[in-house]
Amino acid sequence: LSIVVAIFFKKTMFKSHEAPFVMELPPYRVPKIKTIIGHVWFRGQLYLRKMAGVILIASALIWALSYFPRTEGSKTAQLENSYVGKIGHAVAPVLQPLGFDWKMGVALLTGIAAKEVVISTMAVLYQDDDPNSTASLSDKLRAEVHKTGPNKGSPIYTPLAALAFLLFVLIYIPCIAVLVVIRKEAGGWKWAALMAGYTTFLAWTISFLVFQIGSLF
């Protein structure tokens, strides 16, 4: 996809004469164990800070949106009528041709903050009515079925739907931080918006083709 998009942009939006690029490469040496450990420690710290910041805040926000407004009944009914449920049902028609339900739509929306938030969002959305349940998230996903529509009672997370979902997550907007960097480097939000738009379009198109073509077999 990167190669195809690069060729397309080069022949359409970024037509220009090629300029020679020369860069002197530094001498390469076998890295020392101390250097490797230091680099791994540094990158690990960065990730832990990100997890403790963006992911924690996003998870708390999703919990709040799924907790209010309060309604009587089970956790499932509460989730359906919460703010996050309303957001999910609003985007559901756009994602239905891809085999996604409204909860998957919510996870994709929150994943714009960081891709890791997709999993934490799903963990919040698939809470059990039974507080003593020890079922893992993967078990809950396997047990999830369509509640309404022509596929009522059938599993939501079929291998085909899961593959389409994984492809969507891989291809669409990387994260808000990337958009901010693009705005800063390119000198405006229009390039960041272009990037967000075409990656989401590519993600929807690829997932649609995979799910619809795969459903024929």
N, C-alpha and C. Protein backbone atom coordinates (compact mmCIF):
# COMPACT_ATOMS: atom_id res chain seq x y z
N LEU A 1 0.82 -1.21 0.00
CA LEU A 1 0.00 0.00 0.00
C LEU A 1 0.86 1.26 0.00
N SER A 2 1.97 1.22 0.75
CA SER A 2 2.87 2.39 0.80
C SER A 2 3.44 2.68 -0.57
N ILE A 3 3.86 1.63 -1.28
CA ILE A 3 4.45 1.81 -2.61
C ILE A 3 3.39 2.34 -3.59
N VAL A 4 2.20 1.75 -3.55
CA VAL A 4 1.13 2.18 -4.46
C VAL A 4 0.75 3.64 -4.21
N VAL A 5 0.59 4.01 -2.94
CA VAL A 5 0.22 5.39 -2.60
C VAL A 5 1.33 6.35 -2.99
N ALA A 6 2.59 5.97 -2.77
CA ALA A 6 3.72 6.84 -3.13
C ALA A 6 3.76 7.09 -4.64
N ILE A 7 3.55 6.03 -5.42
CA ILE A 7 3.54 6.18 -6.88
C ILE A 7 2.37 7.06 -7.33
N PHE A 8 1.20 6.85 -6.72
CA PHE A 8 0.02 7.64 -7.08
C PHE A 8 0.24 9.12 -6.78
N PHE A 9 0.75 9.43 -5.58
CA PHE A 9 1.00 10.83 -5.22
C PHE A 9 2.07 11.46 -6.10
N LYS A 10 3.08 10.67 -6.45
CA LYS A 10 4.17 11.19 -7.27
C LYS A 10 3.68 11.57 -8.66
N LYS A 11 2.72 10.81 -9.18
CA LYS A 11 2.21 11.06 -10.53
C LYS A 11 1.06 12.06 -10.55
N THR A 12 0.54 12.44 -9.40
CA THR A 12 -0.61 13.35 -9.36
C THR A 12 -0.30 14.64 -8.59
N MET A 13 -0.18 14.56 -7.28
CA MET A 13 -0.08 15.75 -6.45
C MET A 13 1.34 16.30 -6.33
N PHE A 14 2.34 15.45 -6.46
CA PHE A 14 3.71 15.89 -6.20
C PHE A 14 4.60 15.71 -7.42
N LYS A 15 4.13 16.22 -8.54
CA LYS A 15 4.94 16.17 -9.75
C LYS A 15 6.07 17.20 -9.65
N SER A 16 7.30 16.73 -9.79
CA SER A 16 8.45 17.63 -9.72
C SER A 16 9.67 16.92 -10.30
N HIS A 17 10.68 17.72 -10.64
CA HIS A 17 11.92 17.15 -11.15
C HIS A 17 12.70 16.53 -10.00
N GLU A 18 13.24 15.35 -10.26
CA GLU A 18 13.99 14.68 -9.22
C GLU A 18 15.33 15.38 -8.99
N ALA A 19 15.69 15.55 -7.73
CA ALA A 19 16.96 16.15 -7.36
C ALA A 19 17.86 15.09 -6.75
N PRO A 20 19.15 15.09 -7.09
CA PRO A 20 20.05 14.07 -6.51
C PRO A 20 20.17 14.23 -5.00
N PHE A 21 20.24 13.12 -4.33
CA PHE A 21 20.36 13.13 -2.87
C PHE A 21 21.58 12.32 -2.47
N VAL A 22 22.51 12.95 -1.83
CA VAL A 22 23.74 12.29 -1.41
C VAL A 22 23.88 12.43 0.10
N MET A 23 24.09 11.33 0.76
CA MET A 23 24.26 11.35 2.21
C MET A 23 25.42 10.43 2.59
N GLU A 24 26.34 10.96 3.35
CA GLU A 24 27.48 10.16 3.78
C GLU A 24 27.07 9.26 4.94
N LEU A 25 27.28 7.96 4.79
CA LEU A 25 26.89 7.01 5.81
C LEU A 25 27.99 6.89 6.86
N PRO A 26 27.61 6.80 8.12
CA PRO A 26 28.62 6.64 9.18
C PRO A 26 29.17 5.22 9.18
N PRO A 27 30.32 5.01 9.75
CA PRO A 27 30.87 3.65 9.83
C PRO A 27 30.03 2.79 10.77
N TYR A 28 29.67 1.58 10.33
CA TYR A 28 28.85 0.69 11.14
C TYR A 28 29.73 -0.25 11.95
N ARG A 29 29.39 -0.43 13.22
CA ARG A 29 30.12 -1.32 14.10
C ARG A 29 29.16 -2.22 14.85
N VAL A 30 29.66 -3.33 15.31
CA VAL A 30 28.82 -4.25 16.11
C VAL A 30 28.47 -3.56 17.43
N PRO A 31 27.18 -3.43 17.75
CA PRO A 31 26.80 -2.72 18.98
C PRO A 31 27.23 -3.48 20.23
N LYS A 32 27.56 -2.74 21.26
CA LYS A 32 27.94 -3.33 22.54
C LYS A 32 26.69 -3.67 23.35
N ILE A 33 26.80 -4.68 24.19
CA ILE A 33 25.68 -5.12 25.02
C ILE A 33 25.16 -3.97 25.87
N LYS A 34 26.06 -3.16 26.42
CA LYS A 34 25.66 -2.03 27.25
C LYS A 34 24.82 -1.04 26.46
N THR A 35 25.21 -0.81 25.20
CA THR A 35 24.45 0.11 24.35
C THR A 35 23.07 -0.44 24.04
N ILE A 36 22.99 -1.74 23.76
CA ILE A 36 21.71 -2.37 23.45
C ILE A 36 20.76 -2.28 24.66
N ILE A 37 21.27 -2.63 25.83
CA ILE A 37 20.45 -2.59 27.05
C ILE A 37 19.98 -1.17 27.33
N GLY A 38 20.88 -0.19 27.15
CA GLY A 38 20.50 1.20 27.36
C GLY A 38 19.42 1.66 26.42
N HIS A 39 19.51 1.24 25.14
CA HIS A 39 18.51 1.63 24.15
C HIS A 39 17.15 0.99 24.46
N VAL A 40 17.19 -0.31 24.82
CA VAL A 40 15.94 -1.01 25.15
C VAL A 40 15.29 -0.37 26.38
N TRP A 41 16.09 -0.03 27.37
CA TRP A 41 15.57 0.61 28.59
C TRP A 41 14.94 1.96 28.26
N PHE A 42 15.60 2.74 27.40
CA PHE A 42 15.09 4.05 27.03
C PHE A 42 13.76 3.93 26.29
N ARG A 43 13.70 3.02 25.30
CA ARG A 43 12.46 2.86 24.54
C ARG A 43 11.35 2.29 25.44
N GLY A 44 11.72 1.40 26.37
CA GLY A 44 10.72 0.86 27.28
C GLY A 44 10.13 1.92 28.18
N GLN A 45 10.98 2.84 28.65
CA GLN A 45 10.48 3.95 29.48
C GLN A 45 9.50 4.82 28.71
N LEU A 46 9.84 5.09 27.43
CA LEU A 46 8.94 5.92 26.62
C LEU A 46 7.58 5.27 26.47
N TYR A 47 7.57 3.95 26.25
CA TYR A 47 6.29 3.26 26.08
C TYR A 47 5.49 3.25 27.38
N LEU A 48 6.17 3.01 28.51
CA LEU A 48 5.47 2.99 29.80
C LEU A 48 4.87 4.35 30.12
N ARG A 49 5.59 5.42 29.76
CA ARG A 49 5.04 6.76 29.98
C ARG A 49 3.81 6.98 29.11
N LYS A 50 3.90 6.50 27.87
CA LYS A 50 2.75 6.63 26.97
C LYS A 50 1.57 5.82 27.48
N MET A 51 1.84 4.60 27.95
CA MET A 51 0.77 3.74 28.45
C MET A 51 0.12 4.34 29.69
N ALA A 52 0.96 4.92 30.56
CA ALA A 52 0.42 5.51 31.78
C ALA A 52 -0.30 6.81 31.52
N GLY A 53 -0.02 7.43 30.37
CA GLY A 53 -0.65 8.70 30.04
C GLY A 53 -1.84 8.55 29.12
N VAL A 54 -1.56 8.42 27.84
CA VAL A 54 -2.61 8.40 26.82
C VAL A 54 -3.57 7.24 27.03
N ILE A 55 -3.03 6.03 27.21
CA ILE A 55 -3.89 4.85 27.30
C ILE A 55 -4.74 4.89 28.57
N LEU A 56 -4.15 5.28 29.69
CA LEU A 56 -4.89 5.35 30.94
C LEU A 56 -6.01 6.39 30.85
N ILE A 57 -5.69 7.56 30.32
CA ILE A 57 -6.70 8.63 30.19
C ILE A 57 -7.82 8.20 29.25
N ALA A 58 -7.43 7.58 28.12
CA ALA A 58 -8.44 7.13 27.14
C ALA A 58 -9.34 6.06 27.75
N SER A 59 -8.76 5.13 28.49
CA SER A 59 -9.56 4.07 29.13
C SER A 59 -10.53 4.66 30.15
N ALA A 60 -10.06 5.64 30.93
CA ALA A 60 -10.94 6.29 31.91
C ALA A 60 -12.08 7.03 31.22
N LEU A 61 -11.77 7.68 30.10
CA LEU A 61 -12.79 8.42 29.35
C LEU A 61 -13.84 7.47 28.79
N ILE A 62 -13.38 6.35 28.22
CA ILE A 62 -14.32 5.36 27.68
C ILE A 62 -15.20 4.79 28.79
N TRP A 63 -14.61 4.53 29.96
CA TRP A 63 -15.41 4.03 31.08
C TRP A 63 -16.48 5.04 31.45
N ALA A 64 -16.12 6.34 31.53
CA ALA A 64 -17.09 7.37 31.91
C ALA A 64 -18.21 7.46 30.87
N LEU A 65 -17.85 7.40 29.60
CA LEU A 65 -18.87 7.48 28.54
C LEU A 65 -19.78 6.25 28.54
N SER A 66 -19.24 5.11 28.99
CA SER A 66 -20.07 3.90 29.05
C SER A 66 -20.88 3.81 30.34
N TYR A 67 -20.55 4.65 31.32
CA TYR A 67 -21.22 4.61 32.63
C TYR A 67 -22.38 5.61 32.73
N PHE A 68 -22.34 6.65 31.90
CA PHE A 68 -23.38 7.68 31.92
C PHE A 68 -24.04 7.80 30.56
N PRO A 69 -25.34 8.21 30.51
CA PRO A 69 -26.25 8.39 31.66
C PRO A 69 -26.66 7.04 32.24
N ARG A 70 -26.96 7.03 33.52
CA ARG A 70 -27.31 5.80 34.21
C ARG A 70 -28.71 5.34 33.84
N THR A 71 -28.85 4.03 33.60
CA THR A 71 -30.15 3.44 33.29
C THR A 71 -30.32 2.18 34.13
N GLU A 72 -31.55 1.77 34.30
CA GLU A 72 -31.84 0.57 35.06
C GLU A 72 -31.61 -0.66 34.19
N GLY A 73 -31.24 -1.77 34.84
CA GLY A 73 -31.09 -3.00 34.09
C GLY A 73 -29.67 -3.53 34.16
N SER A 74 -29.36 -4.46 33.24
CA SER A 74 -28.06 -5.12 33.21
C SER A 74 -26.98 -4.18 32.67
N LYS A 75 -25.73 -4.64 32.76
CA LYS A 75 -24.63 -3.86 32.20
C LYS A 75 -24.76 -3.73 30.69
N THR A 76 -25.31 -4.77 30.05
CA THR A 76 -25.50 -4.72 28.61
C THR A 76 -26.47 -3.61 28.23
N ALA A 77 -27.59 -3.51 28.98
CA ALA A 77 -28.56 -2.46 28.72
C ALA A 77 -27.96 -1.09 29.01
N GLN A 78 -27.18 -0.99 30.09
CA GLN A 78 -26.53 0.27 30.43
C GLN A 78 -25.58 0.71 29.31
N LEU A 79 -24.83 -0.24 28.78
CA LEU A 79 -23.86 0.07 27.72
C LEU A 79 -24.57 0.51 26.46
N GLU A 80 -25.65 -0.15 26.12
CA GLU A 80 -26.40 0.17 24.91
C GLU A 80 -26.94 1.60 24.95
N ASN A 81 -27.36 2.06 26.13
CA ASN A 81 -28.00 3.37 26.26
C ASN A 81 -27.05 4.47 26.75
N SER A 82 -25.79 4.14 26.92
CA SER A 82 -24.81 5.13 27.38
C SER A 82 -24.37 6.02 26.23
N TYR A 83 -23.55 7.01 26.56
CA TYR A 83 -23.03 7.90 25.53
C TYR A 83 -22.18 7.15 24.52
N VAL A 84 -21.38 6.22 25.01
CA VAL A 84 -20.52 5.47 24.10
C VAL A 84 -21.36 4.56 23.21
N GLY A 85 -22.47 4.04 23.76
CA GLY A 85 -23.37 3.23 22.95
C GLY A 85 -24.01 4.03 21.84
N LYS A 86 -24.41 5.26 22.14
CA LYS A 86 -25.00 6.12 21.12
C LYS A 86 -24.00 6.47 20.03
N ILE A 87 -22.75 6.72 20.43
CA ILE A 87 -21.71 7.01 19.44
C ILE A 87 -21.48 5.79 18.55
N GLY A 88 -21.41 4.61 19.18
CA GLY A 88 -21.18 3.39 18.43
C GLY A 88 -22.29 3.09 17.44
N HIS A 89 -23.54 3.27 17.88
CA HIS A 89 -24.68 3.01 16.98
C HIS A 89 -24.75 4.04 15.86
N ALA A 90 -24.22 5.24 16.10
CA ALA A 90 -24.23 6.27 15.05
C ALA A 90 -23.29 5.92 13.91
N VAL A 91 -22.15 5.32 14.22
CA VAL A 91 -21.17 4.97 13.18
C VAL A 91 -21.36 3.55 12.67
N ALA A 92 -22.22 2.77 13.30
CA ALA A 92 -22.40 1.36 12.94
C ALA A 92 -22.79 1.15 11.47
N PRO A 93 -23.72 1.96 10.89
CA PRO A 93 -24.09 1.73 9.50
C PRO A 93 -22.93 1.83 8.52
N VAL A 94 -21.95 2.68 8.82
CA VAL A 94 -20.80 2.84 7.94
C VAL A 94 -19.89 1.62 8.01
N LEU A 95 -19.82 0.98 9.17
CA LEU A 95 -18.91 -0.14 9.38
C LEU A 95 -19.58 -1.51 9.21
N GLN A 96 -20.89 -1.53 9.10
CA GLN A 96 -21.60 -2.80 8.96
C GLN A 96 -21.18 -3.60 7.73
N PRO A 97 -20.94 -2.94 6.57
CA PRO A 97 -20.50 -3.71 5.39
C PRO A 97 -19.15 -4.39 5.57
N LEU A 98 -18.41 -4.00 6.62
CA LEU A 98 -17.10 -4.60 6.88
C LEU A 98 -17.20 -5.77 7.85
N GLY A 99 -18.41 -6.02 8.35
CA GLY A 99 -18.61 -7.09 9.32
C GLY A 99 -18.39 -6.65 10.75
N PHE A 100 -18.34 -5.32 11.00
CA PHE A 100 -18.08 -4.80 12.34
C PHE A 100 -19.39 -4.48 13.05
N ASP A 101 -19.41 -4.64 14.38
CA ASP A 101 -20.55 -4.18 15.15
C ASP A 101 -20.24 -2.83 15.76
N TRP A 102 -21.16 -2.28 16.54
CA TRP A 102 -20.98 -0.91 17.06
C TRP A 102 -19.85 -0.81 18.07
N LYS A 103 -19.58 -1.90 18.79
CA LYS A 103 -18.49 -1.87 19.76
C LYS A 103 -17.13 -1.78 19.05
N MET A 104 -17.01 -2.45 17.94
CA MET A 104 -15.78 -2.37 17.15
C MET A 104 -15.60 -0.96 16.61
N GLY A 105 -16.72 -0.31 16.28
CA GLY A 105 -16.66 1.07 15.80
C GLY A 105 -16.16 2.01 16.88
N VAL A 106 -16.61 1.82 18.11
CA VAL A 106 -16.14 2.64 19.22
C VAL A 106 -14.65 2.43 19.44
N ALA A 107 -14.21 1.18 19.39
CA ALA A 107 -12.78 0.87 19.58
C ALA A 107 -11.93 1.55 18.51
N LEU A 108 -12.43 1.59 17.29
CA LEU A 108 -11.68 2.25 16.21
C LEU A 108 -11.61 3.76 16.43
N LEU A 109 -12.68 4.35 16.91
CA LEU A 109 -12.69 5.79 17.16
C LEU A 109 -11.69 6.16 18.26
N THR A 110 -11.68 5.39 19.34
CA THR A 110 -10.75 5.69 20.42
C THR A 110 -9.32 5.34 20.04
N GLY A 111 -9.17 4.43 19.08
CA GLY A 111 -7.84 4.05 18.62
C GLY A 111 -7.10 5.17 17.93
N ILE A 112 -7.80 6.26 17.60
CA ILE A 112 -7.15 7.42 16.99
C ILE A 112 -6.17 8.03 17.99
N ALA A 113 -6.45 7.92 19.28
CA ALA A 113 -5.55 8.43 20.30
C ALA A 113 -4.24 7.65 20.27
N ALA A 114 -4.34 6.34 20.18
CA ALA A 114 -3.18 5.44 20.07
C ALA A 114 -3.73 4.06 19.75
N LYS A 115 -3.04 3.33 18.89
CA LYS A 115 -3.56 2.02 18.47
C LYS A 115 -3.76 1.07 19.66
N GLU A 116 -2.91 1.22 20.68
CA GLU A 116 -3.03 0.34 21.84
C GLU A 116 -4.36 0.53 22.56
N VAL A 117 -4.97 1.69 22.40
CA VAL A 117 -6.23 1.99 23.09
C VAL A 117 -7.37 1.12 22.55
N VAL A 118 -7.22 0.59 21.34
CA VAL A 118 -8.26 -0.28 20.77
C VAL A 118 -8.53 -1.45 21.70
N ILE A 119 -7.48 -2.08 22.21
CA ILE A 119 -7.64 -3.24 23.09
C ILE A 119 -8.22 -2.84 24.44
N SER A 120 -7.71 -1.76 25.02
CA SER A 120 -8.23 -1.34 26.33
C SER A 120 -9.69 -0.93 26.22
N THR A 121 -10.07 -0.32 25.09
CA THR A 121 -11.48 0.04 24.88
C THR A 121 -12.36 -1.19 24.83
N MET A 122 -11.91 -2.21 24.11
CA MET A 122 -12.70 -3.44 24.01
C MET A 122 -12.82 -4.12 25.37
N ALA A 123 -11.76 -4.03 26.18
CA ALA A 123 -11.82 -4.62 27.52
C ALA A 123 -12.88 -3.93 28.37
N VAL A 124 -13.03 -2.61 28.18
CA VAL A 124 -14.06 -1.86 28.92
C VAL A 124 -15.45 -2.20 28.39
N LEU A 125 -15.58 -2.29 27.08
CA LEU A 125 -16.90 -2.51 26.46
C LEU A 125 -17.43 -3.91 26.70
N TYR A 126 -16.54 -4.88 26.84
CA TYR A 126 -16.97 -6.27 27.00
C TYR A 126 -16.90 -6.73 28.45
N GLN A 127 -17.28 -5.86 29.36
CA GLN A 127 -17.36 -6.25 30.76
C GLN A 127 -18.53 -7.20 30.97
N ASP A 128 -18.37 -8.13 31.89
CA ASP A 128 -19.43 -9.11 32.19
C ASP A 128 -20.44 -8.53 33.16
N ASP A 129 -21.69 -9.02 33.05
CA ASP A 129 -22.70 -8.68 34.05
C ASP A 129 -22.35 -9.32 35.40
N ASP A 130 -21.65 -10.45 35.33
CA ASP A 130 -21.25 -11.16 36.54
C ASP A 130 -19.88 -10.63 37.00
N PRO A 131 -19.81 -9.96 38.16
CA PRO A 131 -18.53 -9.40 38.63
C PRO A 131 -17.51 -10.48 39.00
N ASN A 132 -17.99 -11.73 39.19
CA ASN A 132 -17.08 -12.81 39.57
C ASN A 132 -16.58 -13.60 38.37
N SER A 133 -16.93 -13.17 37.18
CA SER A 133 -16.51 -13.88 35.97
C SER A 133 -15.00 -13.78 35.78
N THR A 134 -14.40 -14.89 35.36
CA THR A 134 -12.95 -14.92 35.10
C THR A 134 -12.64 -15.09 33.61
N ALA A 135 -13.65 -14.92 32.77
CA ALA A 135 -13.45 -15.09 31.32
C ALA A 135 -12.51 -14.02 30.78
N SER A 136 -11.61 -14.43 29.90
CA SER A 136 -10.67 -13.50 29.30
C SER A 136 -11.35 -12.72 28.18
N LEU A 137 -10.69 -11.66 27.72
CA LEU A 137 -11.26 -10.85 26.64
C LEU A 137 -11.44 -11.69 25.38
N SER A 138 -10.49 -12.56 25.08
CA SER A 138 -10.61 -13.40 23.88
C SER A 138 -11.81 -14.34 23.98
N ASP A 139 -12.08 -14.85 25.18
CA ASP A 139 -13.26 -15.72 25.36
C ASP A 139 -14.55 -14.93 25.15
N LYS A 140 -14.57 -13.70 25.64
CA LYS A 140 -15.76 -12.86 25.49
C LYS A 140 -16.00 -12.54 24.02
N LEU A 141 -14.92 -12.29 23.26
CA LEU A 141 -15.07 -11.98 21.85
C LEU A 141 -15.61 -13.18 21.07
N ARG A 142 -15.13 -14.37 21.43
CA ARG A 142 -15.62 -15.58 20.76
C ARG A 142 -17.10 -15.82 21.04
N ALA A 143 -17.54 -15.43 22.23
CA ALA A 143 -18.93 -15.68 22.62
C ALA A 143 -19.89 -14.60 22.12
N GLU A 144 -19.36 -13.49 21.62
CA GLU A 144 -20.22 -12.37 21.19
C GLU A 144 -20.97 -12.73 19.91
N VAL A 145 -22.29 -12.48 19.90
CA VAL A 145 -23.12 -12.78 18.73
C VAL A 145 -23.95 -11.56 18.36
N HIS A 146 -24.43 -11.55 17.13
CA HIS A 146 -25.29 -10.46 16.68
C HIS A 146 -26.62 -10.53 17.42
N LYS A 147 -27.06 -9.39 17.95
CA LYS A 147 -28.31 -9.35 18.73
C LYS A 147 -29.53 -9.11 17.85
N THR A 148 -29.33 -8.44 16.72
CA THR A 148 -30.44 -8.12 15.82
C THR A 148 -29.99 -8.33 14.37
N GLY A 149 -30.94 -8.11 13.45
CA GLY A 149 -30.62 -8.17 12.03
C GLY A 149 -30.69 -9.57 11.46
N PRO A 150 -30.35 -9.70 10.17
CA PRO A 150 -30.45 -11.01 9.50
C PRO A 150 -29.46 -12.04 10.04
N ASN A 151 -28.38 -11.58 10.68
CA ASN A 151 -27.37 -12.50 11.22
C ASN A 151 -27.55 -12.74 12.72
N LYS A 152 -28.75 -12.48 13.24
CA LYS A 152 -29.02 -12.62 14.67
C LYS A 152 -28.64 -14.02 15.15
N GLY A 153 -27.85 -14.04 16.22
CA GLY A 153 -27.44 -15.32 16.81
C GLY A 153 -26.13 -15.86 16.29
N SER A 154 -25.64 -15.31 15.18
CA SER A 154 -24.38 -15.79 14.61
C SER A 154 -23.20 -15.05 15.23
N PRO A 155 -22.03 -15.67 15.28
CA PRO A 155 -20.86 -15.02 15.90
C PRO A 155 -20.48 -13.73 15.16
N ILE A 156 -20.06 -12.73 15.92
CA ILE A 156 -19.59 -11.48 15.33
C ILE A 156 -18.14 -11.61 14.90
N TYR A 157 -17.33 -12.18 15.78
CA TYR A 157 -15.89 -12.27 15.51
C TYR A 157 -15.55 -13.57 14.80
N THR A 158 -16.01 -13.69 13.56
CA THR A 158 -15.58 -14.79 12.72
C THR A 158 -14.14 -14.53 12.28
N PRO A 159 -13.43 -15.54 11.82
CA PRO A 159 -12.06 -15.30 11.33
C PRO A 159 -12.00 -14.23 10.26
N LEU A 160 -13.01 -14.19 9.38
CA LEU A 160 -13.03 -13.20 8.31
C LEU A 160 -13.24 -11.79 8.85
N ALA A 161 -14.20 -11.62 9.77
CA ALA A 161 -14.45 -10.31 10.37
C ALA A 161 -13.24 -9.85 11.19
N ALA A 162 -12.60 -10.79 11.90
CA ALA A 162 -11.42 -10.45 12.68
C ALA A 162 -10.28 -9.99 11.77
N LEU A 163 -10.10 -10.67 10.63
CA LEU A 163 -9.06 -10.28 9.68
C LEU A 163 -9.33 -8.89 9.13
N ALA A 164 -10.59 -8.61 8.76
CA ALA A 164 -10.94 -7.28 8.25
C ALA A 164 -10.70 -6.21 9.31
N PHE A 165 -11.00 -6.54 10.56
CA PHE A 165 -10.80 -5.59 11.66
C PHE A 165 -9.30 -5.31 11.86
N LEU A 166 -8.49 -6.35 11.84
CA LEU A 166 -7.05 -6.18 11.99
C LEU A 166 -6.47 -5.32 10.88
N LEU A 167 -6.93 -5.54 9.65
CA LEU A 167 -6.45 -4.75 8.53
C LEU A 167 -6.84 -3.28 8.69
N PHE A 168 -8.06 -3.04 9.14
CA PHE A 168 -8.50 -1.66 9.35
C PHE A 168 -7.62 -0.97 10.38
N VAL A 169 -7.34 -1.66 11.49
CA VAL A 169 -6.52 -1.07 12.55
C VAL A 169 -5.11 -0.78 12.05
N LEU A 170 -4.57 -1.66 11.22
CA LEU A 170 -3.22 -1.48 10.71
C LEU A 170 -3.10 -0.31 9.73
N ILE A 171 -4.15 -0.07 8.96
CA ILE A 171 -4.05 0.88 7.85
C ILE A 171 -4.53 2.28 8.21
N TYR A 172 -5.54 2.42 9.07
CA TYR A 172 -6.13 3.75 9.27
C TYR A 172 -5.23 4.65 10.11
N ILE A 173 -5.69 5.85 10.44
CA ILE A 173 -4.91 6.89 11.11
C ILE A 173 -3.97 6.30 12.16
N PRO A 174 -2.65 6.56 12.08
CA PRO A 174 -1.72 6.01 13.08
C PRO A 174 -2.08 6.44 14.50
N CYS A 175 -2.10 7.75 14.75
CA CYS A 175 -2.49 8.29 16.05
C CYS A 175 -2.48 9.81 15.96
N ILE A 176 -3.03 10.45 16.97
CA ILE A 176 -3.10 11.91 16.98
C ILE A 176 -1.69 12.51 16.97
N ALA A 177 -0.75 11.87 17.64
CA ALA A 177 0.62 12.40 17.70
C ALA A 177 1.22 12.52 16.31
N VAL A 178 0.96 11.55 15.46
CA VAL A 178 1.48 11.59 14.09
C VAL A 178 0.87 12.76 13.33
N LEU A 179 -0.42 12.99 13.50
CA LEU A 179 -1.08 14.11 12.82
C LEU A 179 -0.49 15.44 13.27
N VAL A 180 -0.18 15.55 14.54
CA VAL A 180 0.41 16.79 15.06
C VAL A 180 1.79 17.01 14.45
N VAL A 181 2.58 15.94 14.33
CA VAL A 181 3.91 16.05 13.73
C VAL A 181 3.81 16.45 12.26
N ILE A 182 2.87 15.85 11.54
CA ILE A 182 2.68 16.20 10.13
C ILE A 182 2.29 17.66 9.99
N ARG A 183 1.39 18.13 10.85
CA ARG A 183 1.00 19.54 10.80
C ARG A 183 2.21 20.45 11.03
N LYS A 184 3.05 20.07 11.98
CA LYS A 184 4.22 20.87 12.30
C LYS A 184 5.24 20.87 11.17
N GLU A 185 5.51 19.69 10.61
CA GLU A 185 6.53 19.57 9.58
C GLU A 185 6.06 20.12 8.23
N ALA A 186 4.77 19.93 7.92
CA ALA A 186 4.24 20.36 6.62
C ALA A 186 3.72 21.79 6.66
N GLY A 187 3.59 22.37 7.85
CA GLY A 187 3.18 23.76 7.96
C GLY A 187 1.69 24.01 7.83
N GLY A 188 0.88 23.05 8.20
CA GLY A 188 -0.57 23.27 8.15
C GLY A 188 -1.35 21.99 8.41
N TRP A 189 -2.62 22.17 8.78
CA TRP A 189 -3.46 21.01 9.08
C TRP A 189 -3.98 20.31 7.84
N LYS A 190 -3.87 20.96 6.66
CA LYS A 190 -4.46 20.35 5.46
C LYS A 190 -3.76 19.04 5.10
N TRP A 191 -2.43 18.98 5.31
CA TRP A 191 -1.72 17.75 5.00
C TRP A 191 -2.03 16.68 6.04
N ALA A 192 -2.20 17.08 7.28
CA ALA A 192 -2.59 16.12 8.32
C ALA A 192 -3.99 15.58 8.04
N ALA A 193 -4.90 16.46 7.61
CA ALA A 193 -6.26 16.03 7.28
C ALA A 193 -6.26 15.10 6.07
N LEU A 194 -5.41 15.42 5.08
CA LEU A 194 -5.30 14.56 3.90
C LEU A 194 -4.83 13.16 4.30
N MET A 195 -3.82 13.12 5.16
CA MET A 195 -3.29 11.83 5.61
C MET A 195 -4.36 11.04 6.36
N ALA A 196 -5.07 11.72 7.27
CA ALA A 196 -6.13 11.05 8.03
C ALA A 196 -7.23 10.55 7.11
N GLY A 197 -7.58 11.35 6.12
CA GLY A 197 -8.66 10.99 5.21
C GLY A 197 -8.32 9.82 4.31
N TYR A 198 -7.15 9.87 3.66
CA TYR A 198 -6.86 8.81 2.70
C TYR A 198 -6.50 7.49 3.38
N THR A 199 -5.88 7.53 4.57
CA THR A 199 -5.60 6.27 5.27
C THR A 199 -6.88 5.60 5.76
N THR A 200 -7.84 6.41 6.23
CA THR A 200 -9.11 5.84 6.67
C THR A 200 -9.89 5.28 5.48
N PHE A 201 -9.84 6.00 4.34
CA PHE A 201 -10.50 5.51 3.13
C PHE A 201 -9.88 4.19 2.66
N LEU A 202 -8.55 4.13 2.68
CA LEU A 202 -7.87 2.89 2.30
C LEU A 202 -8.25 1.75 3.24
N ALA A 203 -8.28 2.05 4.54
CA ALA A 203 -8.62 1.02 5.52
C ALA A 203 -10.03 0.49 5.29
N TRP A 204 -10.99 1.40 5.05
CA TRP A 204 -12.37 0.98 4.82
C TRP A 204 -12.46 0.14 3.54
N THR A 205 -11.80 0.59 2.49
CA THR A 205 -11.87 -0.10 1.20
C THR A 205 -11.26 -1.50 1.27
N ILE A 206 -10.08 -1.61 1.86
CA ILE A 206 -9.42 -2.92 1.96
C ILE A 206 -10.23 -3.87 2.82
N SER A 207 -10.72 -3.38 3.97
CA SER A 207 -11.52 -4.24 4.86
C SER A 207 -12.82 -4.65 4.19
N PHE A 208 -13.43 -3.73 3.44
CA PHE A 208 -14.67 -4.04 2.72
C PHE A 208 -14.43 -5.15 1.69
N LEU A 209 -13.36 -5.02 0.91
CA LEU A 209 -13.06 -6.02 -0.12
C LEU A 209 -12.76 -7.38 0.51
N VAL A 210 -11.97 -7.38 1.58
CA VAL A 210 -11.63 -8.64 2.24
C VAL A 210 -12.88 -9.33 2.78
N PHE A 211 -13.75 -8.57 3.45
CA PHE A 211 -14.93 -9.17 4.07
C PHE A 211 -15.96 -9.61 3.02
N GLN A 212 -16.23 -8.74 2.06
CA GLN A 212 -17.26 -9.05 1.07
C GLN A 212 -16.83 -10.17 0.12
N ILE A 213 -15.59 -10.11 -0.33
CA ILE A 213 -15.09 -11.18 -1.23
C ILE A 213 -14.94 -12.48 -0.46
N GLY A 214 -14.44 -12.39 0.78
CA GLY A 214 -14.30 -13.59 1.58
C GLY A 214 -15.63 -14.23 1.92
N SER A 215 -16.68 -13.43 2.02
CA SER A 215 -18.01 -13.96 2.35
C SER A 215 -18.61 -14.79 1.22
N LEU A 216 -18.05 -14.66 0.02
CA LEU A 216 -18.55 -15.41 -1.12
C LEU A 216 -18.08 -16.85 -1.11
N PHE A 217 -17.08 -17.14 -0.30
CA PHE A 217 -16.51 -18.49 -0.28
C PHE A 217 -16.91 -19.24 0.99
